[in-house]
PDB file of N, CA and C in Angstrom:
ATOM      1  N   THR A   1       0.832  -1.209   0.000  1.00  0.00           N
ATOM      2  CA  THR A   1       0.000   0.000   0.000  1.00  0.00           C
ATOM      3  C   THR A   1       0.871   1.265   0.000  1.00  0.00           C
ATOM      4  N   GLU A   2       2.051   1.198   0.613  1.00  0.00           N
ATOM      5  CA  GLU A   2       2.951   2.356   0.621  1.00  0.00           C
ATOM      6  C   GLU A   2       3.403   2.705  -0.790  1.00  0.00           C
ATOM      7  N   MET A   3       3.734   1.657  -1.559  1.00  0.00           N
ATOM      8  CA  MET A   3       4.177   1.863  -2.938  1.00  0.00           C
ATOM      9  C   MET A   3       3.051   2.493  -3.755  1.00  0.00           C
ATOM     10  N   LEU A   4       1.840   1.997  -3.567  1.00  0.00           N
ATOM     11  CA  LEU A   4       0.672   2.512  -4.289  1.00  0.00           C
ATOM     12  C   LEU A   4       0.422   3.972  -3.915  1.00  0.00           C
ATOM     13  N   PHE A   5       0.555   4.276  -2.634  1.00  0.00           N
ATOM     14  CA  PHE A   5       0.361   5.643  -2.158  1.00  0.00           C
ATOM     15  C   PHE A   5       1.380   6.591  -2.773  1.00  0.00           C
ATOM     16  N   CYS A   6       2.641   6.136  -2.829  1.00  0.00           N
ATOM     17  CA  CYS A   6       3.708   6.953  -3.412  1.00  0.00           C
ATOM     18  C   CYS A   6       3.455   7.205  -4.893  1.00  0.00           C
ATOM     19  N   SER A   7       3.073   6.176  -5.620  1.00  0.00           N
ATOM     20  CA  SER A   7       2.826   6.322  -7.054  1.00  0.00           C
ATOM     21  C   SER A   7       1.622   7.220  -7.314  1.00  0.00           C
ATOM     22  N   THR A   8       0.649   7.188  -6.410  1.00  0.00           N
ATOM     23  CA  THR A   8      -0.522   8.057  -6.548  1.00  0.00           C
ATOM     24  C   THR A   8      -0.130   9.510  -6.311  1.00  0.00           C
ATOM     25  N   VAL A   9       0.660   9.755  -5.267  1.00  0.00           N
ATOM     26  CA  VAL A   9       1.107  11.113  -4.933  1.00  0.00           C
ATOM     27  C   VAL A   9       1.977  11.679  -6.055  1.00  0.00           C
ATOM     28  N   VAL A  10       2.823  10.819  -6.640  1.00  0.00           N
ATOM     29  CA  VAL A  10       3.693  11.253  -7.735  1.00  0.00           C
ATOM     30  C   VAL A  10       2.898  11.410  -9.026  1.00  0.00           C
ATOM     31  N   GLY A  11       1.952  10.501  -9.265  1.00  0.00           N
ATOM     32  CA  GLY A  11       1.191  10.508 -10.513  1.00  0.00           C
ATOM     33  C   GLY A  11       0.124  11.583 -10.579  1.00  0.00           C
ATOM     34  N   LEU A  12      -0.414  11.971  -9.423  1.00  0.00           N
ATOM     35  CA  LEU A  12      -1.500  12.948  -9.397  1.00  0.00           C
ATOM     36  C   LEU A  12      -1.129  14.292 -10.023  1.00  0.00           C
ATOM     37  N   PRO A  13       0.005  14.919  -9.646  1.00  0.00           N
ATOM     38  CA  PRO A  13       0.384  16.187 -10.282  1.00  0.00           C
ATOM     39  C   PRO A  13       0.561  16.052 -11.792  1.00  0.00           C
ATOM     40  N   PHE A  14       1.093  14.908 -12.256  1.00  0.00           N
ATOM     41  CA  PHE A  14       1.282  14.686 -13.688  1.00  0.00           C
ATOM     42  C   PHE A  14      -0.060  14.605 -14.409  1.00  0.00           C
ATOM     43  N   LEU A  15      -1.087  14.124 -13.714  1.00  0.00           N
ATOM     44  CA  LEU A  15      -2.430  14.072 -14.299  1.00  0.00           C
ATOM     45  C   LEU A  15      -3.125  15.428 -14.192  1.00  0.00           C
ATOM     46  N   LEU A  16      -2.924  16.109 -13.068  1.00  0.00           N
ATOM     47  CA  LEU A  16      -3.597  17.390 -12.837  1.00  0.00           C
ATOM     48  C   LEU A  16      -3.042  18.503 -13.718  1.00  0.00           C
ATOM     49  N   ALA A  17      -1.713  18.541 -13.892  1.00  0.00           N
ATOM     50  CA  ALA A  17      -1.085  19.611 -14.676  1.00  0.00           C
ATOM     51  C   ALA A  17      -1.664  19.731 -16.088  1.00  0.00           C
ATOM     52  N   PRO A  18      -1.730  18.645 -16.887  1.00  0.00           N
ATOM     53  CA  PRO A  18      -2.333  18.751 -18.225  1.00  0.00           C
ATOM     54  C   PRO A  18      -3.807  19.134 -18.179  1.00  0.00           C
ATOM     55  N   MET A  19      -4.530  18.637 -17.184  1.00  0.00           N
ATOM     56  CA  MET A  19      -5.956  18.954 -17.055  1.00  0.00           C
ATOM     57  C   MET A  19      -6.150  20.445 -16.788  1.00  0.00           C
ATOM     58  N   ILE A  20      -5.326  21.011 -15.905  1.00  0.00           N
ATOM     59  CA  ILE A  20      -5.405  22.442 -15.591  1.00  0.00           C
ATOM     60  C   ILE A  20      -4.987  23.267 -16.809  1.00  0.00           C
ATOM     61  N   LEU A  21      -3.912  22.820 -17.483  1.00  0.00           N
ATOM     62  CA  LEU A  21      -3.425  23.536 -18.666  1.00  0.00           C
ATOM     63  C   LEU A  21      -4.465  23.535 -19.774  1.00  0.00           C
ATOM     64  N   THR A  22      -5.048  22.374 -20.063  1.00  0.00           N
ATOM     65  CA  THR A  22      -6.064  22.289 -21.114  1.00  0.00           C
ATOM     66  C   THR A  22      -7.301  23.079 -20.721  1.00  0.00           C
ATOM     67  N   GLY A  23      -7.629  23.082 -19.441  1.00  0.00           N
ATOM     68  CA  GLY A  23      -8.766  23.855 -18.955  1.00  0.00           C
ATOM     69  C   GLY A  23      -8.544  25.350 -19.159  1.00  0.00           C
ATOM     70  N   GLU A  24      -7.334  25.817 -18.867  1.00  0.00           N
ATOM     71  CA  GLU A  24      -6.992  27.221 -19.063  1.00  0.00           C
ATOM     72  C   GLU A  24      -7.011  27.576 -20.544  1.00  0.00           C
ATOM     73  N   LEU A  25      -6.427  26.693 -21.380  1.00  0.00           N
ATOM     74  CA  LEU A  25      -6.403  26.916 -22.827  1.00  0.00           C
ATOM     75  C   LEU A  25      -7.812  26.953 -23.385  1.00  0.00           C
ATOM     76  N   PHE A  26      -8.652  26.023 -22.932  1.00  0.00           N
ATOM     77  CA  PHE A  26     -10.032  25.933 -23.400  1.00  0.00           C
ATOM     78  C   PHE A  26     -10.806  27.197 -23.026  1.00  0.00           C
ATOM     79  N   ARG A  27     -10.579  27.683 -21.810  1.00  0.00           N
ATOM     80  CA  ARG A  27     -11.255  28.893 -21.343  1.00  0.00           C
ATOM     81  C   ARG A  27     -10.795  30.104 -22.154  1.00  0.00           C
ATOM     82  N   ALA A  28      -9.489  30.204 -22.393  1.00  0.00           N
ATOM     83  CA  ALA A  28      -8.942  31.313 -23.179  1.00  0.00           C
ATOM     84  C   ALA A  28      -9.463  31.268 -24.612  1.00  0.00           C
ATOM     85  N   TRP A  29      -9.524  30.060 -25.198  1.00  0.00           N
ATOM     86  CA  TRP A  29     -10.017  29.894 -26.566  1.00  0.00           C
ATOM     87  C   TRP A  29     -11.489  30.283 -26.670  1.00  0.00           C
ATOM     88  N   LYS A  30     -12.267  29.915 -25.659  1.00  0.00           N
ATOM     89  CA  LYS A  30     -13.695  30.249 -25.657  1.00  0.00           C
ATOM     90  C   LYS A  30     -13.897  31.763 -25.572  1.00  0.00           C
ATOM     91  N   SER A  31     -13.118  32.421 -24.748  1.00  0.00           N
ATOM     92  CA  SER A  31     -13.252  33.873 -24.600  1.00  0.00           C
ATOM     93  C   SER A  31     -12.771  34.597 -25.857  1.00  0.00           C
ATOM     94  N   CYS A  32     -11.802  34.014 -26.560  1.00  0.00           N
ATOM     95  CA  CYS A  32     -11.299  34.607 -27.801  1.00  0.00           C
ATOM     96  C   CYS A  32     -12.290  34.408 -28.944  1.00  0.00           C
ATOM     97  N   SER A  33     -12.920  33.249 -29.000  1.00  0.00           N
ATOM     98  CA  SER A  33     -13.809  32.916 -30.121  1.00  0.00           C
ATOM     99  C   SER A  33     -15.125  33.681 -30.069  1.00  0.00           C
ATOM    100  N   GLN A  34     -15.442  34.257 -28.919  1.00  0.00           N
ATOM    101  CA  GLN A  34     -16.706  34.991 -28.799  1.00  0.00           C
ATOM    102  C   GLN A  34     -16.636  36.356 -29.486  1.00  0.00           C
TER     103      GLN A  34
END
């Protein structure tokens, strides 16, 4: 369980970063396209 916890803690930022980036890009694109 320790190994799983470590991989989750390490993997979470790698998953969140692209999601936040794409979310920001999507929001900027929507505001530009209007």
